[in-house]
Amino acid sequence: SKRKRAVLTMSGSEGADAVSMKARATARLLGMNVTLLLCLFFSRLLLVVSTRIDSYADPVLYVVSERLAAMLFHIPYFTNSLFIAGLSRGFYQFLFPCIRDSKPKLTFSDSQRTT
């Protein structure tokens, strides 16, 4: 009786973990795809707009629209790594100890040195 309850409890918690993992994976994929769609759409739109701008009449607007189009085109490639790493628990379990250990430690002998 107790063993059956333990098995049922374990399988229930494993099922909840599996659902949670599927939800996180779905959120990652959705975020990556939405970012890709929006950034690529607006970068191509800005590229079309920049072709309609006379580069001699308004050079600043022309350069800004071209550079912004190029930047928007590259954003999804950088944000994909954030979606992959940023939505996983293991990433934070790895990152926070690294940040905590990377702080410079000032000892008494270091503060006494003069150059």
PDB file of N, CA and C in Angstrom:
ATOM      1  N   SER A   1       0.822  -1.188   0.000  1.00  0.00           N
ATOM      2  CA  SER A   1       0.000   0.000   0.000  1.00  0.00           C
ATOM      3  C   SER A   1       0.871   1.259   0.000  1.00  0.00           C
ATOM      4  N   LYS A   2       1.837   1.308   0.927  1.00  0.00           N
ATOM      5  CA  LYS A   2       2.726   2.471   0.986  1.00  0.00           C
ATOM      6  C   LYS A   2       3.608   2.544  -0.250  1.00  0.00           C
ATOM      7  N   ARG A   3       4.017   1.369  -0.722  1.00  0.00           N
ATOM      8  CA  ARG A   3       4.869   1.348  -1.905  1.00  0.00           C
ATOM      9  C   ARG A   3       4.106   1.849  -3.137  1.00  0.00           C
ATOM     10  N   LYS A   4       2.860   1.460  -3.281  1.00  0.00           N
ATOM     11  CA  LYS A   4       2.050   1.921  -4.412  1.00  0.00           C
ATOM     12  C   LYS A   4       1.869   3.433  -4.370  1.00  0.00           C
ATOM     13  N   ARG A   5       1.642   3.982  -3.164  1.00  0.00           N
ATOM     14  CA  ARG A   5       1.505   5.436  -3.027  1.00  0.00           C
ATOM     15  C   ARG A   5       2.801   6.146  -3.398  1.00  0.00           C
ATOM     16  N   ALA A   6       3.928   5.565  -2.967  1.00  0.00           N
ATOM     17  CA  ALA A   6       5.219   6.159  -3.295  1.00  0.00           C
ATOM     18  C   ALA A   6       5.459   6.153  -4.800  1.00  0.00           C
ATOM     19  N   VAL A   7       5.124   5.040  -5.451  1.00  0.00           N
ATOM     20  CA  VAL A   7       5.292   4.950  -6.900  1.00  0.00           C
ATOM     21  C   VAL A   7       4.374   5.927  -7.603  1.00  0.00           C
ATOM     22  N   LEU A   8       3.123   6.032  -7.152  1.00  0.00           N
ATOM     23  CA  LEU A   8       2.188   6.977  -7.746  1.00  0.00           C
ATOM     24  C   LEU A   8       2.651   8.412  -7.531  1.00  0.00           C
ATOM     25  N   THR A   9       3.178   8.716  -6.357  1.00  0.00           N
ATOM     26  CA  THR A   9       3.670  10.057  -6.077  1.00  0.00           C
ATOM     27  C   THR A   9       4.866  10.375  -6.961  1.00  0.00           C
ATOM     28  N   MET A  10       5.783   9.416  -7.113  1.00  0.00           N
ATOM     29  CA  MET A  10       6.949   9.644  -7.957  1.00  0.00           C
ATOM     30  C   MET A  10       6.550   9.833  -9.407  1.00  0.00           C
ATOM     31  N   SER A  11       5.655   9.012  -9.904  1.00  0.00           N
ATOM     32  CA  SER A  11       5.255   9.145 -11.299  1.00  0.00           C
ATOM     33  C   SER A  11       4.490  10.443 -11.524  1.00  0.00           C
ATOM     34  N   GLY A  12       3.754  10.890 -10.517  1.00  0.00           N
ATOM     35  CA  GLY A  12       3.052  12.167 -10.642  1.00  0.00           C
ATOM     36  C   GLY A  12       4.006  13.337 -10.695  1.00  0.00           C
ATOM     37  N   SER A  13       5.050  13.283  -9.877  1.00  0.00           N
ATOM     38  CA  SER A  13       6.021  14.383  -9.892  1.00  0.00           C
ATOM     39  C   SER A  13       6.861  14.345 -11.156  1.00  0.00           C
ATOM     40  N   GLU A  14       7.183  13.153 -11.644  1.00  0.00           N
ATOM     41  CA  GLU A  14       7.919  13.055 -12.896  1.00  0.00           C
ATOM     42  C   GLU A  14       7.069  13.563 -14.053  1.00  0.00           C
ATOM     43  N   GLY A  15       5.775  13.296 -14.000  1.00  0.00           N
ATOM     44  CA  GLY A  15       4.880  13.797 -15.035  1.00  0.00           C
ATOM     45  C   GLY A  15       4.813  15.309 -15.028  1.00  0.00           C
ATOM     46  N   ALA A  16       4.801  15.897 -13.831  1.00  0.00           N
ATOM     47  CA  ALA A  16       4.783  17.359 -13.727  1.00  0.00           C
ATOM     48  C   ALA A  16       6.083  17.952 -14.241  1.00  0.00           C
ATOM     49  N   ASP A  17       7.208  17.286 -13.956  1.00  0.00           N
ATOM     50  CA  ASP A  17       8.492  17.762 -14.473  1.00  0.00           C
ATOM     51  C   ASP A  17       8.538  17.683 -15.989  1.00  0.00           C
ATOM     52  N   ALA A  18       7.985  16.606 -16.537  1.00  0.00           N
ATOM     53  CA  ALA A  18       7.971  16.451 -17.995  1.00  0.00           C
ATOM     54  C   ALA A  18       7.113  17.530 -18.641  1.00  0.00           C
ATOM     55  N   VAL A  19       5.973  17.835 -18.027  1.00  0.00           N
ATOM     56  CA  VAL A  19       5.108  18.898 -18.552  1.00  0.00           C
ATOM     57  C   VAL A  19       5.816  20.241 -18.458  1.00  0.00           C
ATOM     58  N   SER A  20       6.498  20.472 -17.341  1.00  0.00           N
ATOM     59  CA  SER A  20       7.238  21.721 -17.170  1.00  0.00           C
ATOM     60  C   SER A  20       8.357  21.844 -18.202  1.00  0.00           C
ATOM     61  N   MET A  21       9.060  20.750 -18.456  1.00  0.00           N
ATOM     62  CA  MET A  21      10.129  20.775 -19.456  1.00  0.00           C
ATOM     63  C   MET A  21       9.567  21.020 -20.852  1.00  0.00           C
ATOM     64  N   LYS A  22       8.422  20.421 -21.160  1.00  0.00           N
ATOM     65  CA  LYS A  22       7.794  20.656 -22.462  1.00  0.00           C
ATOM     66  C   LYS A  22       7.335  22.098 -22.597  1.00  0.00           C
ATOM     67  N   ALA A  23       6.809  22.662 -21.509  1.00  0.00           N
ATOM     68  CA  ALA A  23       6.369  24.059 -21.545  1.00  0.00           C
ATOM     69  C   ALA A  23       7.553  24.992 -21.767  1.00  0.00           C
ATOM     70  N   ARG A  24       8.682  24.729 -21.096  1.00  0.00           N
ATOM     71  CA  ARG A  24       9.868  25.562 -21.294  1.00  0.00           C
ATOM     72  C   ARG A  24      10.408  25.423 -22.714  1.00  0.00           C
ATOM     73  N   ALA A  25      10.420  24.209 -23.236  1.00  0.00           N
ATOM     74  CA  ALA A  25      10.894  23.998 -24.605  1.00  0.00           C
ATOM     75  C   ALA A  25       9.985  24.712 -25.604  1.00  0.00           C
ATOM     76  N   THR A  26       8.688  24.657 -25.355  1.00  0.00           N
ATOM     77  CA  THR A  26       7.745  25.356 -26.232  1.00  0.00           C
ATOM     78  C   THR A  26       7.937  26.862 -26.148  1.00  0.00           C
ATOM     79  N   ALA A  27       8.159  27.377 -24.948  1.00  0.00           N
ATOM     80  CA  ALA A  27       8.401  28.819 -24.776  1.00  0.00           C
ATOM     81  C   ALA A  27       9.672  29.242 -25.493  1.00  0.00           C
ATOM     82  N   ARG A  28      10.705  28.419 -25.410  1.00  0.00           N
ATOM     83  CA  ARG A  28      11.956  28.729 -26.116  1.00  0.00           C
ATOM     84  C   ARG A  28      11.730  28.796 -27.617  1.00  0.00           C
ATOM     85  N   LEU A  29      11.103  27.764 -28.160  1.00  0.00           N
ATOM     86  CA  LEU A  29      10.881  27.727 -29.606  1.00  0.00           C
ATOM     87  C   LEU A  29       9.980  28.862 -30.066  1.00  0.00           C
ATOM     88  N   LEU A  30       8.953  29.133 -29.302  1.00  0.00           N
ATOM     89  CA  LEU A  30       8.050  30.225 -29.657  1.00  0.00           C
ATOM     90  C   LEU A  30       8.777  31.562 -29.625  1.00  0.00           C
ATOM     91  N   GLY A  31       9.540  31.793 -28.584  1.00  0.00           N
ATOM     92  CA  GLY A  31      10.295  33.044 -28.488  1.00  0.00           C
ATOM     93  C   GLY A  31      11.303  33.195 -29.605  1.00  0.00           C
ATOM     94  N   MET A  32      11.999  32.116 -29.928  1.00  0.00           N
ATOM     95  CA  MET A  32      12.984  32.176 -31.005  1.00  0.00           C
ATOM     96  C   MET A  32      12.319  32.438 -32.347  1.00  0.00           C
ATOM     97  N   ASN A  33      11.204  31.780 -32.601  1.00  0.00           N
ATOM     98  CA  ASN A  33      10.531  31.962 -33.885  1.00  0.00           C
ATOM     99  C   ASN A  33       9.888  33.338 -34.020  1.00  0.00           C
ATOM    100  N   VAL A  34       9.294  33.828 -32.945  1.00  0.00           N
ATOM    101  CA  VAL A  34       8.686  35.164 -32.999  1.00  0.00           C
ATOM    102  C   VAL A  34       9.765  36.227 -33.197  1.00  0.00           C
ATOM    103  N   THR A  35      10.877  36.095 -32.479  1.00  0.00           N
ATOM    104  CA  THR A  35      11.979  37.035 -32.647  1.00  0.00           C
ATOM    105  C   THR A  35      12.503  37.004 -34.074  1.00  0.00           C
ATOM    106  N   LEU A  36      12.688  35.815 -34.604  1.00  0.00           N
ATOM    107  CA  LEU A  36      13.166  35.671 -35.978  1.00  0.00           C
ATOM    108  C   LEU A  36      12.204  36.308 -36.967  1.00  0.00           C
ATOM    109  N   LEU A  37      10.931  36.025 -36.823  1.00  0.00           N
ATOM    110  CA  LEU A  37       9.929  36.562 -37.742  1.00  0.00           C
ATOM    111  C   LEU A  37       9.881  38.090 -37.698  1.00  0.00           C
ATOM    112  N   LEU A  38       9.795  38.651 -36.500  1.00  0.00           N
ATOM    113  CA  LEU A  38       9.684  40.111 -36.379  1.00  0.00           C
ATOM    114  C   LEU A  38      10.938  40.826 -36.860  1.00  0.00           C
ATOM    115  N   CYS A  39      12.089  40.345 -36.423  1.00  0.00           N
ATOM    116  CA  CYS A  39      13.327  41.027 -36.802  1.00  0.00           C
ATOM    117  C   CYS A  39      13.597  40.929 -38.299  1.00  0.00           C
ATOM    118  N   LEU A  40      13.386  39.758 -38.871  1.00  0.00           N
ATOM    119  CA  LEU A  40      13.637  39.626 -40.308  1.00  0.00           C
ATOM    120  C   LEU A  40      12.621  40.413 -41.123  1.00  0.00           C
ATOM    121  N   PHE A  41      11.372  40.432 -40.680  1.00  0.00           N
ATOM    122  CA  PHE A  41      10.359  41.207 -41.401  1.00  0.00           C
ATOM    123  C   PHE A  41      10.706  42.697 -41.389  1.00  0.00           C
ATOM    124  N   PHE A  42      11.011  43.226 -40.201  1.00  0.00           N
ATOM    125  CA  PHE A  42      11.303  44.657 -40.116  1.00  0.00           C
ATOM    126  C   PHE A  42      12.641  45.009 -40.762  1.00  0.00           C
ATOM    127  N   SER A  43      13.604  44.101 -40.751  1.00  0.00           N
ATOM    128  CA  SER A  43      14.866  44.407 -41.428  1.00  0.00           C
ATOM    129  C   SER A  43      14.671  44.484 -42.933  1.00  0.00           C
ATOM    130  N   ARG A  44      13.873  43.576 -43.474  1.00  0.00           N
ATOM    131  CA  ARG A  44      13.615  43.630 -44.923  1.00  0.00           C
ATOM    132  C   ARG A  44      12.770  44.855 -45.276  1.00  0.00           C
ATOM    133  N   LEU A  45      11.836  45.204 -44.402  1.00  0.00           N
ATOM    134  CA  LEU A  45      11.023  46.395 -44.632  1.00  0.00           C
ATOM    135  C   LEU A  45      11.892  47.654 -44.636  1.00  0.00           C
ATOM    136  N   LEU A  46      12.803  47.746 -43.672  1.00  0.00           N
ATOM    137  CA  LEU A  46      13.712  48.899 -43.639  1.00  0.00           C
ATOM    138  C   LEU A  46      14.649  48.907 -44.834  1.00  0.00           C
ATOM    139  N   LEU A  47      15.032  47.741 -45.302  1.00  0.00           N
ATOM    140  CA  LEU A  47      15.881  47.690 -46.487  1.00  0.00           C
ATOM    141  C   LEU A  47      15.151  48.215 -47.716  1.00  0.00           C
ATOM    142  N   VAL A  48      13.879  47.877 -47.847  1.00  0.00           N
ATOM    143  CA  VAL A  48      13.069  48.408 -48.955  1.00  0.00           C
ATOM    144  C   VAL A  48      12.914  49.917 -48.817  1.00  0.00           C
ATOM    145  N   VAL A  49      12.684  50.376 -47.593  1.00  0.00           N
ATOM    146  CA  VAL A  49      12.557  51.821 -47.358  1.00  0.00           C
ATOM    147  C   VAL A  49      13.860  52.528 -47.711  1.00  0.00           C
ATOM    148  N   SER A  50      14.987  51.934 -47.338  1.00  0.00           N
ATOM    149  CA  SER A  50      16.272  52.593 -47.622  1.00  0.00           C
ATOM    150  C   SER A  50      16.556  52.674 -49.117  1.00  0.00           C
ATOM    151  N   THR A  51      15.993  51.751 -49.910  1.00  0.00           N
ATOM    152  CA  THR A  51      16.195  51.854 -51.360  1.00  0.00           C
ATOM    153  C   THR A  51      15.380  52.992 -51.952  1.00  0.00           C
ATOM    154  N   ARG A  52      14.335  53.410 -51.256  1.00  0.00           N
ATOM    155  CA  ARG A  52      13.497  54.513 -51.734  1.00  0.00           C
ATOM    156  C   ARG A  52      14.029  55.887 -51.313  1.00  0.00           C
ATOM    157  N   ILE A  53      15.007  55.896 -50.438  1.00  0.00           N
ATOM    158  CA  ILE A  53      15.567  57.161 -49.957  1.00  0.00           C
ATOM    159  C   ILE A  53      16.744  57.536 -50.850  1.00  0.00           C
ATOM    160  N   ASP A  54      16.765  58.781 -51.268  1.00  0.00           N
ATOM    161  CA  ASP A  54      17.868  59.264 -52.082  1.00  0.00           C
ATOM    162  C   ASP A  54      19.074  59.492 -51.173  1.00  0.00           C
ATOM    163  N   SER A  55      20.147  58.773 -51.436  1.00  0.00           N
ATOM    164  CA  SER A  55      21.321  58.854 -50.561  1.00  0.00           C
ATOM    165  C   SER A  55      22.023  60.204 -50.641  1.00  0.00           C
ATOM    166  N   TYR A  56      21.795  60.968 -51.722  1.00  0.00           N
ATOM    167  CA  TYR A  56      22.405  62.301 -51.828  1.00  0.00           C
ATOM    168  C   TYR A  56      21.546  63.366 -51.161  1.00  0.00           C
ATOM    169  N   ALA A  57      20.224  63.198 -51.245  1.00  0.00           N
ATOM    170  CA  ALA A  57      19.322  64.203 -50.663  1.00  0.00           C
ATOM    171  C   ALA A  57      19.255  64.081 -49.142  1.00  0.00           C
ATOM    172  N   ASP A  58      19.235  62.867 -48.637  1.00  0.00           N
ATOM    173  CA  ASP A  58      19.135  62.660 -47.186  1.00  0.00           C
ATOM    174  C   ASP A  58      20.075  61.521 -46.762  1.00  0.00           C
ATOM    175  N   PRO A  59      21.369  61.806 -46.696  1.00  0.00           N
ATOM    176  CA  PRO A  59      22.329  60.736 -46.412  1.00  0.00           C
ATOM    177  C   PRO A  59      22.216  60.156 -44.999  1.00  0.00           C
ATOM    178  N   VAL A  60      21.824  60.976 -44.036  1.00  0.00           N
ATOM    179  CA  VAL A  60      21.729  60.498 -42.661  1.00  0.00           C
ATOM    180  C   VAL A  60      20.617  59.465 -42.526  1.00  0.00           C
ATOM    181  N   LEU A  61      19.450  59.770 -43.052  1.00  0.00           N
ATOM    182  CA  LEU A  61      18.328  58.832 -42.993  1.00  0.00           C
ATOM    183  C   LEU A  61      18.640  57.547 -43.761  1.00  0.00           C
ATOM    184  N   TYR A  62      19.329  57.689 -44.875  1.00  0.00           N
ATOM    185  CA  TYR A  62      19.709  56.527 -45.675  1.00  0.00           C
ATOM    186  C   TYR A  62      20.638  55.600 -44.890  1.00  0.00           C
ATOM    187  N   VAL A  63      21.659  56.147 -44.270  1.00  0.00           N
ATOM    188  CA  VAL A  63      22.625  55.337 -43.516  1.00  0.00           C
ATOM    189  C   VAL A  63      21.969  54.728 -42.283  1.00  0.00           C
ATOM    190  N   VAL A  64      21.140  55.514 -41.589  1.00  0.00           N
ATOM    191  CA  VAL A  64      20.468  55.002 -40.387  1.00  0.00           C
ATOM    192  C   VAL A  64      19.543  53.846 -40.743  1.00  0.00           C
ATOM    193  N   SER A  65      18.777  53.974 -41.804  1.00  0.00           N
ATOM    194  CA  SER A  65      17.854  52.897 -42.172  1.00  0.00           C
ATOM    195  C   SER A  65      18.602  51.646 -42.619  1.00  0.00           C
ATOM    196  N   GLU A  66      19.703  51.817 -43.344  1.00  0.00           N
ATOM    197  CA  GLU A  66      20.485  50.654 -43.762  1.00  0.00           C
ATOM    198  C   GLU A  66      21.148  49.967 -42.581  1.00  0.00           C
ATOM    199  N   ARG A  67      21.718  50.744 -41.672  1.00  0.00           N
ATOM    200  CA  ARG A  67      22.383  50.154 -40.502  1.00  0.00           C
ATOM    201  C   ARG A  67      21.384  49.479 -39.574  1.00  0.00           C
ATOM    202  N   LEU A  68      20.226  50.094 -39.400  1.00  0.00           N
ATOM    203  CA  LEU A  68      19.193  49.497 -38.554  1.00  0.00           C
ATOM    204  C   LEU A  68      18.674  48.199 -39.179  1.00  0.00           C
ATOM    205  N   ALA A  69      18.541  48.184 -40.497  1.00  0.00           N
ATOM    206  CA  ALA A  69      18.116  46.955 -41.185  1.00  0.00           C
ATOM    207  C   ALA A  69      19.145  45.851 -40.982  1.00  0.00           C
ATOM    208  N   ALA A  70      20.416  46.187 -41.071  1.00  0.00           N
ATOM    209  CA  ALA A  70      21.466  45.186 -40.863  1.00  0.00           C
ATOM    210  C   ALA A  70      21.479  44.694 -39.420  1.00  0.00           C
ATOM    211  N   MET A  71      21.288  45.600 -38.476  1.00  0.00           N
ATOM    212  CA  MET A  71      21.281  45.216 -37.073  1.00  0.00           C
ATOM    213  C   MET A  71      20.087  44.317 -36.759  1.00  0.00           C
ATOM    214  N   LEU A  72      18.915  44.663 -37.270  1.00  0.00           N
ATOM    215  CA  LEU A  72      17.730  43.836 -37.040  1.00  0.00           C
ATOM    216  C   LEU A  72      17.876  42.459 -37.673  1.00  0.00           C
ATOM    217  N   PHE A  73      18.616  42.378 -38.771  1.00  0.00           N
ATOM    218  CA  PHE A  73      18.823  41.095 -39.423  1.00  0.00           C
ATOM    219  C   PHE A  73      19.666  40.163 -38.556  1.00  0.00           C
ATOM    220  N   HIS A  74      20.597  40.713 -37.778  1.00  0.00           N
ATOM    221  CA  HIS A  74      21.499  39.894 -36.975  1.00  0.00           C
ATOM    222  C   HIS A  74      21.004  39.622 -35.560  1.00  0.00           C
ATOM    223  N   ILE A  75      20.037  40.341 -35.078  1.00  0.00           N
ATOM    224  CA  ILE A  75      19.553  40.168 -33.699  1.00  0.00           C
ATOM    225  C   ILE A  75      19.081  38.739 -33.410  1.00  0.00           C
ATOM    226  N   PRO A  76      18.308  38.077 -34.268  1.00  0.00           N
ATOM    227  CA  PRO A  76      17.843  36.724 -33.918  1.00  0.00           C
ATOM    228  C   PRO A  76      18.960  35.730 -33.665  1.00  0.00           C
ATOM    229  N   TYR A  77      20.070  35.894 -34.336  1.00  0.00           N
ATOM    230  CA  TYR A  77      21.164  34.943 -34.151  1.00  0.00           C
ATOM    231  C   TYR A  77      21.790  35.073 -32.768  1.00  0.00           C
ATOM    232  N   PHE A  78      21.780  36.275 -32.221  1.00  0.00           N
ATOM    233  CA  PHE A  78      22.324  36.476 -30.879  1.00  0.00           C
ATOM    234  C   PHE A  78      21.308  36.120 -29.800  1.00  0.00           C
ATOM    235  N   THR A  79      20.044  36.386 -30.048  1.00  0.00           N
ATOM    236  CA  THR A  79      19.035  36.114 -29.023  1.00  0.00           C
ATOM    237  C   THR A  79      18.700  34.631 -28.901  1.00  0.00           C
ATOM    238  N   ASN A  80      18.974  33.852 -29.940  1.00  0.00           N
ATOM    239  CA  ASN A  80      18.704  32.414 -29.838  1.00  0.00           C
ATOM    240  C   ASN A  80      19.496  31.785 -28.704  1.00  0.00           C
ATOM    241  N   SER A  81      20.732  32.201 -28.544  1.00  0.00           N
ATOM    242  CA  SER A  81      21.530  31.648 -27.443  1.00  0.00           C
ATOM    243  C   SER A  81      20.963  32.069 -26.104  1.00  0.00           C
ATOM    244  N   LEU A  82      20.402  33.272 -26.027  1.00  0.00           N
ATOM    245  CA  LEU A  82      19.781  33.703 -24.778  1.00  0.00           C
ATOM    246  C   LEU A  82      18.523  32.897 -24.480  1.00  0.00           C
ATOM    247  N   PHE A  83      17.752  32.595 -25.504  1.00  0.00           N
ATOM    248  CA  PHE A  83      16.560  31.770 -25.291  1.00  0.00           C
ATOM    249  C   PHE A  83      16.946  30.366 -24.853  1.00  0.00           C
ATOM    250  N   ILE A  84      17.982  29.826 -25.461  1.00  0.00           N
ATOM    251  CA  ILE A  84      18.385  28.465 -25.126  1.00  0.00           C
ATOM    252  C   ILE A  84      18.971  28.407 -23.723  1.00  0.00           C
ATOM    253  N   ALA A  85      19.905  29.288 -23.430  1.00  0.00           N
ATOM    254  CA  ALA A  85      20.567  29.251 -22.119  1.00  0.00           C
ATOM    255  C   ALA A  85      19.722  29.920 -21.042  1.00  0.00           C
ATOM    256  N   GLY A  86      19.077  31.003 -21.388  1.00  0.00           N
ATOM    257  CA  GLY A  86      18.365  31.797 -20.391  1.00  0.00           C
ATOM    258  C   GLY A  86      17.127  31.160 -19.816  1.00  0.00           C
ATOM    259  N   LEU A  87      16.561  30.197 -20.491  1.00  0.00           N
ATOM    260  CA  LEU A  87      15.360  29.554 -19.983  1.00  0.00           C
ATOM    261  C   LEU A  87      15.628  28.178 -19.390  1.00  0.00           C
ATOM    262  N   SER A  88      16.880  27.889 -19.104  1.00  0.00           N
ATOM    263  CA  SER A  88      17.191  26.602 -18.484  1.00  0.00           C
ATOM    264  C   SER A  88      17.720  26.822 -17.072  1.00  0.00           C
ATOM    265  N   ARG A  89      17.310  25.979 -16.167  1.00  0.00           N
ATOM    266  CA  ARG A  89      17.724  26.105 -14.771  1.00  0.00           C
ATOM    267  C   ARG A  89      19.218  25.870 -14.614  1.00  0.00           C
ATOM    268  N   GLY A  90      19.752  24.939 -15.370  1.00  0.00           N
ATOM    269  CA  GLY A  90      21.168  24.613 -15.265  1.00  0.00           C
ATOM    270  C   GLY A  90      22.060  25.794 -15.583  1.00  0.00           C
ATOM    271  N   PHE A  91      21.602  26.675 -16.473  1.00  0.00           N
ATOM    272  CA  PHE A  91      22.387  27.846 -16.823  1.00  0.00           C
ATOM    273  C   PHE A  91      22.578  28.748 -15.613  1.00  0.00           C
ATOM    274  N   TYR A  92      21.509  29.000 -14.883  1.00  0.00           N
ATOM    275  CA  TYR A  92      21.609  29.868 -13.710  1.00  0.00           C
ATOM    276  C   TYR A  92      22.384  29.201 -12.576  1.00  0.00           C
ATOM    277  N   GLN A  93      22.244  27.882 -12.451  1.00  0.00           N
ATOM    278  CA  GLN A  93      23.014  27.172 -11.429  1.00  0.00           C
ATOM    279  C   GLN A  93      24.501  27.219 -11.737  1.00  0.00           C
ATOM    280  N   PHE A  94      24.849  27.351 -13.000  1.00  0.00           N
ATOM    281  CA  PHE A  94      26.245  27.480 -13.393  1.00  0.00           C
ATOM    282  C   PHE A  94      26.712  28.932 -13.325  1.00  0.00           C
ATOM    283  N   LEU A  95      25.861  29.863 -13.762  1.00  0.00           N
ATOM    284  CA  LEU A  95      26.264  31.259 -13.904  1.00  0.00           C
ATOM    285  C   LEU A  95      26.477  31.954 -12.566  1.00  0.00           C
ATOM    286  N   PHE A  96      25.538  31.810 -11.649  1.00  0.00           N
ATOM    287  CA  PHE A  96      25.626  32.571 -10.400  1.00  0.00           C
ATOM    288  C   PHE A  96      26.851  32.223  -9.566  1.00  0.00           C
ATOM    289  N   PRO A  97      27.234  30.960  -9.414  1.00  0.00           N
ATOM    290  CA  PRO A  97      28.484  30.695  -8.695  1.00  0.00           C
ATOM    291  C   PRO A  97      29.706  31.266  -9.420  1.00  0.00           C
ATOM    292  N   CYS A  98      29.684  31.261 -10.743  1.00  0.00           N
ATOM    293  CA  CYS A  98      30.808  31.831 -11.493  1.00  0.00           C
ATOM    294  C   CYS A  98      30.921  33.332 -11.250  1.00  0.00           C
ATOM    295  N   ILE A  99      29.792  34.018 -11.234  1.00  0.00           N
ATOM    296  CA  ILE A  99      29.807  35.461 -10.983  1.00  0.00           C
ATOM    297  C   ILE A  99      30.268  35.734  -9.558  1.00  0.00           C
ATOM    298  N   ARG A 100      29.772  34.953  -8.624  1.00  0.00           N
ATOM    299  CA  ARG A 100      30.135  35.157  -7.223  1.00  0.00           C
ATOM    300  C   ARG A 100      31.633  34.916  -7.007  1.00  0.00           C
ATOM    301  N   ASP A 101      32.212  33.925  -7.697  1.00  0.00           N
ATOM    302  CA  ASP A 101      33.634  33.612  -7.536  1.00  0.00           C
ATOM    303  C   ASP A 101      34.537  34.553  -8.307  1.00  0.00           C
ATOM    304  N   SER A 102      34.018  35.294  -9.272  1.00  0.00           N
ATOM    305  CA  SER A 102      34.861  36.144 -10.101  1.00  0.00           C
ATOM    306  C   SER A 102      35.088  37.531  -9.508  1.00  0.00           C
ATOM    307  N   LYS A 103      34.467  37.840  -8.394  1.00  0.00           N
ATOM    308  CA  LYS A 103      34.672  39.148  -7.781  1.00  0.00           C
ATOM    309  C   LYS A 103      36.099  39.246  -7.268  1.00  0.00           C
ATOM    310  N   PRO A 104      36.755  40.365  -7.508  1.00  0.00           N
ATOM    311  CA  PRO A 104      38.127  40.498  -7.020  1.00  0.00           C
ATOM    312  C   PRO A 104      38.155  40.530  -5.493  1.00  0.00           C
ATOM    313  N   LYS A 105      39.074  39.798  -4.951  1.00  0.00           N
ATOM    314  CA  LYS A 105      39.206  39.726  -3.500  1.00  0.00           C
ATOM    315  C   LYS A 105      40.394  40.590  -3.092  1.00  0.00           C
ATOM    316  N   LEU A 106      40.144  41.582  -2.288  1.00  0.00           N
ATOM    317  CA  LEU A 106      41.188  42.498  -1.834  1.00  0.00           C
ATOM    318  C   LEU A 106      41.639  42.063  -0.452  1.00  0.00           C
ATOM    319  N   THR A 107      42.889  41.731  -0.347  1.00  0.00           N
ATOM    320  CA  THR A 107      43.421  41.341   0.953  1.00  0.00           C
ATOM    321  C   THR A 107      44.148  42.522   1.569  1.00  0.00           C
ATOM    322  N   PHE A 108      44.516  42.390   2.798  1.00  0.00           N
ATOM    323  CA  PHE A 108      45.197  43.457   3.513  1.00  0.00           C
ATOM    324  C   PHE A 108      46.550  43.750   2.886  1.00  0.00           C
ATOM    325  N   SER A 109      47.262  42.724   2.431  1.00  0.00           N
ATOM    326  CA  SER A 109      48.578  42.935   1.847  1.00  0.00           C
ATOM    327  C   SER A 109      48.466  43.650   0.493  1.00  0.00           C
ATOM    328  N   ASP A 110      47.370  43.422  -0.248  1.00  0.00           N
ATOM    329  CA  ASP A 110      47.174  44.118  -1.524  1.00  0.00           C
ATOM    330  C   ASP A 110      46.899  45.594  -1.287  1.00  0.00           C
ATOM    331  N   SER A 111      46.199  45.929  -0.229  1.00  0.00           N
ATOM    332  CA  SER A 111      45.864  47.329   0.010  1.00  0.00           C
ATOM    333  C   SER A 111      47.054  48.111   0.531  1.00  0.00           C
ATOM    334  N   GLN A 112      48.097  47.451   1.033  1.00  0.00           N
ATOM    335  CA  GLN A 112      49.270  48.109   1.566  1.00  0.00           C
ATOM    336  C   GLN A 112      50.309  48.410   0.487  1.00  0.00           C
ATOM    337  N   ARG A 113      50.178  47.756  -0.669  1.00  0.00           N
ATOM    338  CA  ARG A 113      51.166  47.950  -1.740  1.00  0.00           C
ATOM    339  C   ARG A 113      50.992  49.313  -2.396  1.00  0.00           C
ATOM    340  N   THR A 114      52.104  49.892  -2.724  1.00  0.00           N
ATOM    341  CA  THR A 114      52.088  51.147  -3.507  1.00  0.00           C
ATOM    342  C   THR A 114      53.061  51.003  -4.639  1.00  0.00           C
ATOM    343  N   THR A 115      52.731  51.603  -5.757  1.00  0.00           N
ATOM    344  CA  THR A 115      53.635  51.513  -6.907  1.00  0.00           C
ATOM    345  C   THR A 115      54.240  52.851  -7.205  1.00  0.00           C
TER     346      THR A 115
END
